[in-house]
Protein backbone atom coordinates (compact mmCIF):
# COMPACT_ATOMS: atom_id res chain seq x y z
CA MET A 1 41.01 73.98 16.57
CA GLU A 2 41.03 70.45 17.97
CA ARG A 3 43.42 67.55 18.63
CA ARG A 4 42.35 63.89 18.50
CA LYS A 5 43.62 60.56 17.23
CA LEU A 6 44.04 60.03 13.50
CA SER A 7 41.85 57.57 11.66
CA GLU A 8 42.85 54.28 10.08
CA PRO A 9 43.59 55.80 6.63
CA GLU A 10 46.14 58.13 8.20
CA LYS A 11 47.69 55.15 10.01
CA LEU A 12 48.10 53.32 6.72
CA ILE A 13 50.36 56.03 5.34
CA GLY A 14 52.62 55.85 8.35
CA MET A 15 51.18 58.63 10.47
CA THR A 16 50.25 56.96 13.74
CA GLU A 17 50.01 53.73 15.69
CA ASN A 18 46.56 54.55 17.11
CA PRO A 19 44.02 53.26 14.56
CA MET A 20 40.30 53.82 14.60
CA SER A 21 37.72 51.75 12.75
CA VAL A 22 37.53 53.77 9.53
CA SER A 23 38.49 52.46 6.07
CA PRO A 24 39.76 54.42 3.06
CA ASP A 25 37.54 54.68 -0.01
CA TYR A 26 40.19 52.99 -2.15
CA LEU A 27 43.38 51.21 -1.17
CA ASP A 28 46.07 49.16 -2.91
CA ASP A 29 49.83 48.82 -2.60
CA ASP A 30 50.53 52.22 -4.17
CA LEU A 31 47.37 54.30 -3.77
CA MET A 32 44.86 55.41 -1.20
CA ILE A 33 41.89 57.73 -1.67
CA ILE A 34 40.32 59.39 1.36
CA ASP A 35 37.01 61.14 0.89
CA ASN A 36 35.58 63.60 3.37
CA ILE A 37 37.12 62.02 6.45
CA LYS A 38 38.05 64.39 9.23
CA LEU A 39 41.79 64.91 9.59
CA LEU A 40 42.15 65.00 13.33
CA GLY A 41 44.92 66.74 15.27
CA VAL A 42 47.85 64.99 16.93
CA PRO A 43 50.42 66.59 19.26
CA GLY A 44 53.54 64.78 17.99
CA GLY A 45 55.33 64.73 14.67
CA ILE A 46 54.19 62.48 11.83
CA ARG A 47 56.12 61.39 8.73
CA PRO A 48 53.98 59.99 5.90
CA ASN A 49 55.64 57.35 3.76
CA MET A 50 53.47 58.29 0.77
CA ASN A 51 53.03 61.57 -1.10
CA ILE A 52 49.82 63.33 -0.04
CA ILE A 53 47.87 65.57 -2.42
CA ALA A 54 44.84 67.05 -0.67
CA ILE A 55 42.14 69.55 -1.56
CA CYS A 56 40.68 71.42 1.41
CA THR A 57 36.95 71.72 0.77
CA GLN A 58 36.12 73.69 3.91
CA GLY A 59 37.59 74.79 7.23
CA LYS A 60 41.21 75.41 8.12
CA LEU A 61 44.35 73.46 9.05
CA GLN A 62 47.44 74.75 10.88
CA SER A 63 50.67 72.78 11.16
CA THR A 64 54.42 72.78 10.57
CA MET A 65 56.31 71.05 7.78
CA ASN A 66 59.94 70.30 8.61
CA ASP A 67 59.52 72.89 11.39
CA ALA A 68 58.25 75.65 9.04
CA PRO A 69 54.68 76.84 9.85
CA PHE A 70 51.91 76.72 7.26
CA GLU A 71 48.12 77.06 6.99
CA VAL A 72 45.64 75.46 4.60
CA HIS A 73 42.27 77.06 3.83
CA ALA A 74 39.27 76.11 1.74
CA ARG A 75 39.82 75.97 -2.04
CA GLN A 76 43.51 75.26 -1.66
CA ILE A 77 45.59 72.26 -2.71
CA PHE A 78 48.16 71.04 -0.22
CA ILE A 79 51.11 68.84 -1.24
CA CYS A 80 53.12 66.84 1.29
CA PRO A 81 56.04 64.89 -0.22
CA ALA A 82 56.85 61.47 1.19
CA GLU A 83 59.17 61.37 4.21
CA THR A 84 58.34 64.95 5.20
CA THR A 85 57.84 65.66 8.90
CA ILE A 86 54.52 67.29 9.85
CA GLY A 87 54.11 68.55 13.40
CA ASP A 88 51.74 70.52 15.67
CA LEU A 89 48.77 69.49 13.57
CA MET A 90 45.52 71.32 14.40
CA VAL A 91 42.26 71.67 12.48
CA SER A 92 39.06 73.66 12.79
CA PRO A 93 35.91 71.67 13.74
CA ASP A 94 34.53 72.04 10.20
CA PHE A 95 37.72 71.01 8.40
CA GLU A 96 37.13 68.59 5.50
CA TYR A 97 39.28 67.43 2.65
CA VAL A 98 39.68 64.95 -0.19
CA ALA A 99 43.11 63.35 -0.47
CA LEU A 100 45.11 61.10 -2.73
CA CYS A 101 48.00 59.28 -1.06
CA ILE A 102 50.44 57.81 -3.56
CA THR A 103 53.86 56.20 -3.46
CA THR A 104 56.73 57.87 -5.31
CA ARG A 105 56.96 54.80 -7.54
CA ALA A 106 53.33 55.14 -8.65
CA LEU A 107 53.67 58.91 -9.00
CA GLN A 108 56.49 58.44 -11.48
CA LEU A 109 54.51 55.81 -13.34
CA TYR A 110 51.41 57.99 -13.74
CA LEU A 111 53.22 61.26 -14.49
CA ARG A 112 55.97 59.88 -16.73
CA GLY A 113 57.10 62.85 -18.85
CA TYR A 114 55.52 65.29 -16.40
CA ILE A 115 57.56 64.17 -13.37
CA SER A 116 60.03 67.02 -13.97
CA VAL A 117 57.21 69.52 -13.31
CA TRP A 118 56.45 67.80 -9.98
CA ASN A 119 60.13 67.79 -8.98
CA GLU A 120 60.59 71.43 -9.98
CA PHE A 121 57.57 72.57 -7.95
CA VAL A 122 57.89 70.29 -4.92
CA TYR A 123 61.61 69.72 -4.45
CA VAL A 124 63.38 72.65 -6.12
CA ARG A 125 60.97 75.48 -5.31
CA LYS A 126 59.61 73.69 -2.24
CA LYS A 127 56.06 74.87 -2.88
CA ARG A 128 53.45 73.09 -0.80
CA LEU A 129 50.28 75.13 -1.24
CA PHE A 130 48.41 77.02 -3.93
CA ASP A 131 44.96 78.44 -4.56
CA MET A 132 42.43 76.93 -6.95
CA THR A 133 40.34 78.94 -9.39
CA ASP A 134 36.65 78.29 -10.02
CA ALA A 135 37.63 76.39 -13.18
CA ASP A 136 40.13 74.27 -11.20
CA MET A 137 37.52 73.41 -8.60
CA MET A 138 34.95 72.48 -11.25
CA PHE A 139 37.49 70.25 -13.07
CA TYR A 140 38.34 68.29 -9.95
CA GLU A 141 34.75 68.11 -8.72
CA LYS A 142 33.63 66.57 -12.03
CA LEU A 143 36.61 64.24 -12.14
CA TYR A 144 36.07 63.12 -8.58
CA ASP A 145 32.40 62.45 -9.33
CA LEU A 146 33.62 59.94 -11.94
CA ILE A 147 36.05 58.39 -9.47
CA ARG A 148 33.28 58.08 -6.88
CA LEU A 149 31.00 56.47 -9.45
CA CYS A 150 33.73 53.98 -10.25
CA LEU A 151 34.24 53.20 -6.56
CA GLU A 152 30.54 52.81 -5.73
CA TYR A 153 29.28 50.97 -8.81
CA PRO A 154 28.59 47.27 -8.01
CA GLU A 155 31.08 44.98 -9.68
CA GLU A 156 31.42 41.31 -10.50
CA ASP A 157 34.73 39.51 -10.07
CA SER A 158 35.20 39.61 -13.83
CA ASP A 159 34.98 43.42 -13.73
CA LYS A 160 37.84 43.98 -11.27
CA ASN A 161 40.66 44.24 -13.77
CA TYR A 162 38.68 46.66 -15.92
CA ARG A 163 37.70 48.71 -12.87
CA ARG A 164 41.34 48.90 -11.78
CA GLU A 165 42.42 50.15 -15.20
CA VAL A 166 39.64 52.76 -15.27
CA MET A 167 40.75 53.96 -11.83
CA LYS A 168 44.32 54.28 -13.09
CA GLY A 169 43.09 56.33 -16.05
CA PHE A 170 41.16 58.75 -13.83
CA LEU A 171 44.08 59.10 -11.41
CA SER A 172 46.54 59.68 -14.23
CA THR A 173 44.23 62.38 -15.59
CA SER A 174 43.97 64.06 -12.20
CA LEU A 175 47.76 64.00 -11.67
CA ILE A 176 48.55 65.34 -15.12
CA GLY A 177 45.93 68.04 -14.55
CA LEU A 178 47.67 68.86 -11.28
CA CYS A 179 50.98 69.22 -13.13
CA ASN A 180 49.29 71.72 -15.42
CA LEU A 181 48.34 73.77 -12.36
CA LEU A 182 51.88 73.46 -11.00
CA GLN A 183 53.33 74.53 -14.34
CA ARG A 184 51.06 77.56 -14.31
CA GLU A 185 52.44 78.49 -10.89
CA ILE A 186 56.03 77.97 -12.04
CA GLN A 187 55.54 80.15 -15.12
CA THR A 188 54.50 83.13 -12.99
CA GLN A 189 58.19 83.52 -12.11
CA VAL A 190 60.84 84.24 -14.71
CA VAL A 191 63.70 81.78 -14.33
CA ALA A 192 66.68 80.73 -16.40
CA PRO A 193 66.23 77.63 -18.61
CA LYS A 194 67.05 74.38 -16.85
CA GLN A 195 69.81 72.12 -18.13
CA ASN A 196 69.95 68.34 -17.84
CA ILE A 197 66.74 68.35 -15.81
CA SER A 198 66.27 64.61 -16.40
CA LEU A 199 69.54 63.77 -14.63
CA PHE A 200 68.68 66.13 -11.81
CA ASN A 201 65.30 64.45 -11.36
CA GLN A 202 66.97 61.04 -11.33
CA PHE A 203 69.38 62.24 -8.66
CA LEU A 204 66.51 63.43 -6.46
CA ASP A 205 64.69 60.15 -6.97
CA ILE A 206 67.74 58.10 -5.95
CA LEU A 207 68.37 60.32 -2.93
CA GLN A 208 64.78 60.17 -1.72
CA ARG A 209 64.69 56.36 -1.90
CA GLN A 210 67.83 55.79 0.16
CA GLN A 211 67.47 54.85 3.82
CA VAL A 212 71.12 55.84 4.24
CA LYS A 213 71.32 59.23 2.54
CA HIS A 214 74.59 60.35 4.15
CA ARG A 215 76.84 59.22 1.32
CA PRO A 216 79.50 61.00 -0.74
CA VAL A 217 78.57 62.70 -4.00
CA GLU A 218 80.64 60.04 -5.75
CA TYR A 219 78.13 57.38 -4.72
CA TYR A 220 75.17 59.18 -6.31
CA ALA A 221 77.17 60.16 -9.39
CA SER A 222 78.12 56.51 -9.93
CA GLN A 223 74.43 55.56 -9.88
CA LEU A 224 73.90 57.99 -12.76
CA CYS A 225 77.11 57.03 -14.58
CA ILE A 226 78.42 60.61 -14.49
CA SER A 227 81.27 62.34 -12.67
CA PRO A 228 80.76 63.92 -9.21
CA LYS A 229 81.76 67.30 -10.64
CA TYR A 230 79.15 67.05 -13.38
CA LEU A 231 76.45 66.05 -10.87
CA THR A 232 77.29 69.09 -8.76
CA ILE A 233 77.10 71.34 -11.83
CA ILE A 234 73.71 69.88 -12.79
CA CYS A 235 72.32 70.40 -9.28
CA LYS A 236 73.62 73.96 -9.10
CA LYS A 237 72.16 74.93 -12.47
CA ASN A 238 68.76 73.39 -11.79
CA SER A 239 68.23 74.28 -8.14
CA GLY A 240 70.87 76.76 -7.02
CA LYS A 241 72.17 74.14 -4.57
CA THR A 242 75.01 71.66 -4.88
CA ALA A 243 74.64 67.89 -4.65
CA ASN A 244 76.20 68.05 -1.18
CA ASP A 245 73.59 70.62 -0.15
CA TRP A 246 70.80 68.24 -1.18
CA ILE A 247 72.43 65.27 0.56
CA ARG A 248 72.90 67.28 3.76
CA GLU A 249 69.30 68.59 3.68
CA TYR A 250 67.80 65.12 3.40
CA THR A 251 70.22 63.66 5.95
CA LEU A 252 69.30 66.34 8.51
CA ALA A 253 65.59 65.74 7.85
CA ASP A 254 66.11 62.06 8.73
CA ILE A 255 68.17 62.91 11.82
CA THR A 256 65.72 65.44 13.26
CA TYR A 257 62.78 63.13 12.65
CA GLU A 258 64.44 60.17 14.39
CA LEU A 259 65.53 62.29 17.37
CA ARG A 260 62.15 63.98 17.78
CA ASN A 261 59.75 61.16 17.06
CA THR A 262 61.36 57.85 18.02
CA SER A 263 62.66 56.33 21.24
CA GLN A 264 65.72 54.81 19.58
CA SER A 265 69.07 55.51 21.21
CA VAL A 266 71.59 57.85 19.61
CA LYS A 267 73.69 54.82 18.71
CA GLU A 268 70.75 53.08 17.04
CA ILE A 269 69.92 56.21 15.02
CA SER A 270 73.57 56.65 14.07
CA ASN A 271 73.74 53.07 12.79
CA LYS A 272 70.40 53.29 11.00
CA LEU A 273 71.41 56.43 9.10
CA GLY A 274 74.79 55.05 8.06
CA PHE A 275 77.25 56.97 10.24
CA PRO A 276 80.47 55.08 11.08
CA ASN A 277 80.20 55.71 14.84
CA THR A 278 78.36 57.83 17.41
CA SER A 279 81.28 60.28 17.72
CA PHE A 280 81.11 61.13 14.03
CA PHE A 281 77.31 61.32 14.25
CA GLY A 282 77.49 63.65 17.26
CA LYS A 283 79.96 65.95 15.50
CA TYR A 284 77.73 66.05 12.39
CA VAL A 285 74.71 67.03 14.49
CA ARG A 286 76.68 69.69 16.42
CA ASP A 287 78.09 71.17 13.22
CA HIS A 288 74.68 71.48 11.54
CA LEU A 289 72.17 71.82 14.40
CA GLY A 290 74.37 73.61 16.95
CA CYS A 291 73.89 71.07 19.75
CA THR A 292 74.45 67.41 20.60
CA PRO A 293 71.89 64.78 19.59
CA LEU A 294 70.70 64.41 23.19
CA GLU A 295 70.43 68.17 23.65
CA TYR A 296 68.36 68.41 20.47
CA ARG A 297 66.09 65.62 21.68
CA GLU A 298 65.66 67.15 25.15
CA THR A 299 65.05 70.73 24.02
CA THR A 300 62.73 69.97 21.09
CA PRO A 301 59.03 70.04 22.09
């Protein structure tokens, strides 16, 4: 396993401030495609601001996601939701992958009616990795051949709008195909029918987009035009967790990332994350992490 600086494509999704002279295969405001570029190890934590969907074509990756260890091997798909902390990243010398980096806004646009499958798999069940069958690999190899052809084919200025729309069609196909694979994984477990899944998905979307997530349930319920009690019921039925549980989980993810990976003062972090003062922030951290903010920062590798 090796550790080196990340390349420019990884920088563009918010991973590092140490660019190298490598460009992504495709890049716009919402999408980035990275083809067969080595993902190189970094010692500190990284927090992508786009969703990453990657197929490992060979080799092995070891890392942690929100402090939980995981490994990726060849013929596996790895999903990293936006604003998730990845740490202790190491790869084998032969590690290669193909990745799509996409904003949550674009993901919702391309998936549309299938976004509930993504939310169920990624946010409720918190699945990040699954194996691909021979048929899965063949599907994505053929689809990616078409995407590569679209990227490499010489174009005139008049062709750009058409090329962009064709790219969107291929990407939508690949994402809907991915949701089919996710649905297949979900159906291997017997679960109770979900109720009001659309409202639950909207709640998660609102929560994920907030810089200040530490807000009362009433705030999120008002965004959905429902009562706080009803929002809590919906969350409990669809995920087994209350709305407060989700708010606390995302708030703590922001806190631990800021303390571990930035040089901002405790006061600056407290203000950024919407706490009324540093005393309240310190008590919140002690109650949920068992130590003060400074102790967490000093004892975390």
